[in-house]
């Protein structure tokens, strides 16, 4: 698991382009400049684990996705 590195003042959380940012350890591995289908599938699986699917509310239309604190909510 990557760990954040503090700057000279001891701060680990900064702002970059208006968003929170931190400098962390580099992950193991190497770059794949020409990924094949297997590499793409592996990245897709990891992203799916990092970003769970939205909850679907039964109180509104079946196509209305609800993310807690997200930009779109059912009315």
N, C-alpha and C. Protein backbone atom coordinates (compact mmCIF):
# COMPACT_ATOMS: atom_id res chain seq x y z
N UNK A 1 0.83 -1.17 0.00
CA UNK A 1 0.00 0.00 0.00
C UNK A 1 0.89 1.24 0.00
N UNK A 2 0.67 2.17 -0.94
CA UNK A 2 1.51 3.37 -0.97
C UNK A 2 1.28 4.25 0.26
N UNK A 3 2.36 4.84 0.77
CA UNK A 3 2.26 5.72 1.94
C UNK A 3 2.60 7.15 1.53
N UNK A 4 1.90 8.14 2.09
CA UNK A 4 2.20 9.53 1.74
C UNK A 4 3.53 9.99 2.36
N UNK A 5 4.17 10.92 1.68
CA UNK A 5 5.42 11.51 2.15
C UNK A 5 5.17 12.96 2.56
N UNK A 6 5.67 13.34 3.72
CA UNK A 6 5.54 14.71 4.19
C UNK A 6 6.53 15.62 3.49
N UNK A 7 6.14 16.89 3.35
CA UNK A 7 7.08 17.87 2.79
C UNK A 7 7.95 18.42 3.92
N UNK A 8 8.71 19.45 3.65
CA UNK A 8 9.62 20.02 4.64
C UNK A 8 8.92 20.55 5.89
N UNK A 9 7.65 20.89 5.77
CA UNK A 9 6.91 21.42 6.93
C UNK A 9 6.15 20.32 7.67
N UNK A 10 6.20 19.10 7.15
CA UNK A 10 5.48 17.98 7.77
C UNK A 10 4.10 17.74 7.19
N UNK A 11 3.68 18.57 6.25
CA UNK A 11 2.34 18.42 5.64
C UNK A 11 2.35 17.29 4.62
N UNK A 12 1.29 16.51 4.60
CA UNK A 12 1.17 15.45 3.58
C UNK A 12 0.06 15.73 2.59
N UNK A 13 -0.89 16.59 2.96
CA UNK A 13 -2.01 16.89 2.07
C UNK A 13 -1.82 18.28 1.48
N UNK A 14 -1.91 18.36 0.16
CA UNK A 14 -1.72 19.62 -0.57
C UNK A 14 -2.88 19.79 -1.53
N UNK A 15 -2.86 20.89 -2.27
CA UNK A 15 -3.86 21.14 -3.30
C UNK A 15 -3.15 21.28 -4.63
N UNK A 16 -3.65 20.59 -5.64
CA UNK A 16 -3.09 20.65 -6.99
C UNK A 16 -4.26 20.82 -7.95
N UNK A 17 -4.27 21.90 -8.71
CA UNK A 17 -5.36 22.20 -9.64
C UNK A 17 -6.70 22.20 -8.92
N UNK A 18 -6.71 22.72 -7.67
CA UNK A 18 -7.95 22.82 -6.92
C UNK A 18 -8.44 21.53 -6.30
N UNK A 19 -7.63 20.48 -6.34
CA UNK A 19 -8.04 19.19 -5.80
C UNK A 19 -7.02 18.69 -4.78
N UNK A 20 -7.45 17.86 -3.81
CA UNK A 20 -6.51 17.32 -2.83
C UNK A 20 -5.45 16.44 -3.52
N UNK A 21 -4.23 16.54 -3.04
CA UNK A 21 -3.14 15.75 -3.63
C UNK A 21 -2.12 15.41 -2.55
N UNK A 22 -1.43 14.29 -2.75
CA UNK A 22 -0.36 13.87 -1.85
C UNK A 22 0.70 13.14 -2.67
N UNK A 23 1.94 13.24 -2.24
CA UNK A 23 3.03 12.50 -2.87
C UNK A 23 3.13 11.17 -2.12
N UNK A 24 3.06 10.07 -2.87
CA UNK A 24 3.08 8.75 -2.25
C UNK A 24 4.18 7.89 -2.85
N UNK A 25 4.48 6.77 -2.17
CA UNK A 25 5.44 5.81 -2.69
C UNK A 25 5.01 5.33 -4.06
N UNK A 26 5.97 5.01 -4.87
CA UNK A 26 5.70 4.44 -6.19
C UNK A 26 5.26 2.99 -6.01
N UNK A 27 4.25 2.60 -6.77
CA UNK A 27 3.79 1.22 -6.72
C UNK A 27 4.76 0.31 -7.47
N UNK A 28 4.81 -0.96 -7.06
CA UNK A 28 5.65 -1.92 -7.77
C UNK A 28 5.10 -2.14 -9.17
N UNK A 29 5.95 -2.53 -10.05
CA UNK A 29 5.52 -2.83 -11.41
C UNK A 29 6.28 -2.00 -12.43
N UNK A 30 5.79 -2.04 -13.65
CA UNK A 30 6.43 -1.28 -14.72
C UNK A 30 5.37 -0.78 -15.68
N UNK A 31 5.78 0.13 -16.54
CA UNK A 31 4.86 0.70 -17.52
C UNK A 31 4.64 -0.28 -18.66
N UNK A 32 3.43 -0.31 -19.18
CA UNK A 32 3.12 -1.09 -20.38
C UNK A 32 2.68 -0.09 -21.44
N UNK A 33 3.60 0.25 -22.34
CA UNK A 33 3.30 1.25 -23.35
C UNK A 33 2.34 0.74 -24.42
N UNK A 34 2.25 -0.57 -24.58
CA UNK A 34 1.32 -1.16 -25.55
C UNK A 34 0.57 -2.29 -24.84
N UNK A 35 -0.39 -1.95 -23.96
CA UNK A 35 -1.09 -3.00 -23.22
C UNK A 35 -1.95 -3.88 -24.12
N UNK A 36 -2.04 -5.15 -23.76
CA UNK A 36 -2.90 -6.05 -24.52
C UNK A 36 -4.21 -6.24 -23.76
N UNK A 37 -5.07 -7.10 -24.25
CA UNK A 37 -6.39 -7.31 -23.66
C UNK A 37 -6.28 -7.78 -22.20
N UNK A 38 -5.30 -8.60 -21.88
CA UNK A 38 -5.13 -9.08 -20.51
C UNK A 38 -4.81 -7.93 -19.56
N UNK A 39 -3.89 -7.04 -19.98
CA UNK A 39 -3.55 -5.89 -19.14
C UNK A 39 -4.78 -5.00 -18.93
N UNK A 40 -5.53 -4.75 -19.97
CA UNK A 40 -6.73 -3.92 -19.86
C UNK A 40 -7.75 -4.57 -18.91
N UNK A 41 -7.90 -5.88 -18.99
CA UNK A 41 -8.83 -6.58 -18.10
C UNK A 41 -8.37 -6.46 -16.65
N UNK A 42 -7.06 -6.56 -16.42
CA UNK A 42 -6.54 -6.45 -15.05
C UNK A 42 -6.79 -5.05 -14.48
N UNK A 43 -6.59 -4.02 -15.29
CA UNK A 43 -6.85 -2.65 -14.84
C UNK A 43 -8.35 -2.47 -14.58
N UNK A 44 -9.19 -3.00 -15.45
CA UNK A 44 -10.63 -2.91 -15.27
C UNK A 44 -11.09 -3.57 -13.98
N UNK A 45 -10.54 -4.73 -13.67
CA UNK A 45 -10.89 -5.42 -12.43
C UNK A 45 -10.48 -4.61 -11.20
N UNK A 46 -9.29 -4.01 -11.24
CA UNK A 46 -8.83 -3.19 -10.13
C UNK A 46 -9.71 -1.96 -9.96
N UNK A 47 -10.04 -1.29 -11.06
CA UNK A 47 -10.91 -0.11 -10.98
C UNK A 47 -12.29 -0.48 -10.43
N UNK A 48 -12.79 -1.64 -10.82
CA UNK A 48 -14.11 -2.08 -10.32
C UNK A 48 -14.06 -2.31 -8.81
N UNK A 49 -12.95 -2.81 -8.30
CA UNK A 49 -12.82 -3.00 -6.85
C UNK A 49 -12.68 -1.66 -6.13
N UNK A 50 -12.04 -0.69 -6.77
CA UNK A 50 -11.84 0.62 -6.15
C UNK A 50 -13.10 1.47 -6.16
N UNK A 51 -13.96 1.28 -7.15
CA UNK A 51 -15.15 2.11 -7.33
C UNK A 51 -16.39 1.22 -7.36
N UNK A 52 -17.02 1.01 -6.19
CA UNK A 52 -18.21 0.15 -6.16
C UNK A 52 -19.35 0.76 -6.96
N UNK A 53 -20.28 -0.07 -7.43
CA UNK A 53 -21.40 0.45 -8.22
C UNK A 53 -22.33 1.31 -7.37
N UNK A 54 -23.08 2.20 -8.00
CA UNK A 54 -24.01 3.05 -7.26
C UNK A 54 -25.18 2.25 -6.70
N UNK A 55 -25.78 2.79 -5.63
CA UNK A 55 -27.01 2.19 -5.11
C UNK A 55 -28.15 2.64 -6.00
N UNK A 56 -29.07 1.76 -6.26
CA UNK A 56 -30.26 2.11 -7.03
C UNK A 56 -31.42 2.28 -6.05
N UNK A 57 -32.04 3.45 -6.09
CA UNK A 57 -33.14 3.73 -5.18
C UNK A 57 -34.42 3.12 -5.70
N UNK A 58 -35.18 2.47 -4.83
CA UNK A 58 -36.47 1.91 -5.22
C UNK A 58 -37.58 2.95 -5.13
N UNK A 59 -37.27 4.12 -4.54
CA UNK A 59 -38.29 5.14 -4.35
C UNK A 59 -38.49 6.02 -5.58
N UNK A 60 -37.63 5.89 -6.56
CA UNK A 60 -37.80 6.70 -7.77
C UNK A 60 -37.62 5.79 -8.99
N UNK A 61 -37.45 6.37 -10.14
CA UNK A 61 -37.40 5.58 -11.37
C UNK A 61 -36.28 4.55 -11.32
N UNK A 62 -36.44 3.42 -11.98
CA UNK A 62 -35.42 2.37 -11.94
C UNK A 62 -34.09 2.78 -12.56
N UNK A 63 -34.06 3.86 -13.33
CA UNK A 63 -32.81 4.29 -13.96
C UNK A 63 -32.11 5.38 -13.16
N UNK A 64 -32.65 5.75 -12.00
CA UNK A 64 -32.07 6.83 -11.20
C UNK A 64 -31.01 6.27 -10.26
N UNK A 65 -29.76 6.59 -10.52
CA UNK A 65 -28.66 6.12 -9.66
C UNK A 65 -28.42 7.15 -8.57
N UNK A 66 -28.16 6.67 -7.37
CA UNK A 66 -27.94 7.57 -6.24
C UNK A 66 -26.56 7.31 -5.65
N UNK A 67 -25.70 8.30 -5.72
CA UNK A 67 -24.40 8.24 -5.08
C UNK A 67 -24.48 9.10 -3.83
N UNK A 68 -24.18 8.56 -2.67
CA UNK A 68 -24.21 9.39 -1.46
C UNK A 68 -23.28 10.59 -1.60
N UNK A 69 -23.81 11.77 -1.48
CA UNK A 69 -23.02 12.98 -1.60
C UNK A 69 -22.62 13.31 -3.02
N UNK A 70 -23.11 12.55 -3.98
CA UNK A 70 -22.75 12.75 -5.37
C UNK A 70 -23.53 13.86 -6.03
N UNK A 71 -23.26 14.09 -7.31
CA UNK A 71 -23.87 15.22 -8.00
C UNK A 71 -25.33 15.02 -8.38
N UNK A 72 -25.83 13.81 -8.43
CA UNK A 72 -27.18 13.58 -8.89
C UNK A 72 -27.98 12.82 -7.84
N UNK A 73 -29.13 13.30 -7.51
CA UNK A 73 -29.98 12.65 -6.52
C UNK A 73 -31.39 12.51 -7.08
N UNK A 74 -32.11 11.53 -6.59
CA UNK A 74 -33.51 11.37 -6.98
C UNK A 74 -34.34 12.44 -6.30
N UNK A 75 -35.38 12.86 -6.96
CA UNK A 75 -36.29 13.86 -6.38
C UNK A 75 -37.57 13.20 -5.96
